[in-house]
């Protein structure tokens, strides 16, 4: 197949959307398909991939680290038309998602779209308008966009239910993002390189440092477990607009000396932090999927996550970790229970690793290809029927 991928968010930006797209593109190419990515330009970044096309873009004070593509777009049409695509796959319902939708319509190419994010939970990034109004408009926009495409892929049942509740009637398939193959490192060497002493135990969070990630609950939990176990530490891998506020929260709780803001880490280096850590902790309730949770579990890390959204979908509470309410006290109790019980911890660790092996990136790509084949077949049948009717 010749596949065009459209997304406002892609590498070098590191988030669940870009990582999911990169994994899918890699697997599709490994199977012999020709995949071309259309996305926004990123300052000072040079693509190693010649099949990535970048639209001019700029950042606003409200979209830092997320460049917005700006028109005119017609000059990119010569690249697009040259390849005669079989299918278009959009990954965002915004500027470039609409470009993909419009070009698919004008060139008679079916469009599939993945709904990666509960966008209404990000209303606080849009200034000057009441939060309730913004969430209403985002919901209306989401309904309009996803009812225009031929098929919707959701990474979790939580995302599926959200779209159905908001009257999206397009055919949908739930396809979780597959866990990428894990790297293999010497844990003792990695911990020594990172300055971790043998008795220290690391609670690890990986993700954006942003308000919607519910990080206040994470820090409040940390304050409670630190008071019980002097050997625990909290590492946060990632960066974002809420970092200064989070540092202040840690200081106010009196845990600043046991919290480390690692900051941005290149994608190929994050695996070392999974290797060095002891327990994965995740507080966000706005995710459609738990990609970082799956990655952490592939390294044998038991995971404890707050219920809500799709982040906890891969956790079997009481088997490979715990799902907790959005309550720092319960969160802390489960962390201490897991980290303080050797038999329980070892059982969780084995089950975490085994559960992730069940579904990988190859399984994800195969499921997506089945959707592509179905949509292309239906599109050809509809085109043939329309042609017959036109000649009657």
Foldseek 3Di string as FASTA:
>chain_A
DEEEEEEQDEPPQDAPLNVLVVLLVVLCVVVPYHYAYEYADDPPDDDPDPRYHHAYFDADPLRPVRTDHDDDPVVCVVVVVVRPGQAYEYEDLDDRLVVSLVVCVVSVHAYEYEDWFLVLLVLVSDPDDDSVVSSVVVLVSVLVRLLSGQEYEYQAVLVVVSNVVSPNPHHYDHFHRAAAQADDDDQVVLCVVVVQDPQAAEEEEEHEQDPQQLCLLVLLLVLVLCVVDVRYAYEYEEYYDCVVVVCVSCVVSVNNVRYYDPYYDRPVCVSSVLSNHAAYEGEHQTGQAQRVLLNSLLNLHQYEYEDHHHNCVLPDDQQQHHYHHSHSVRSNVRVCVCVVDVVSVNRNSVRSNVSSVVGHSNNSNVVVVVVSVVSSVVSVVVVVVVVVVVVD
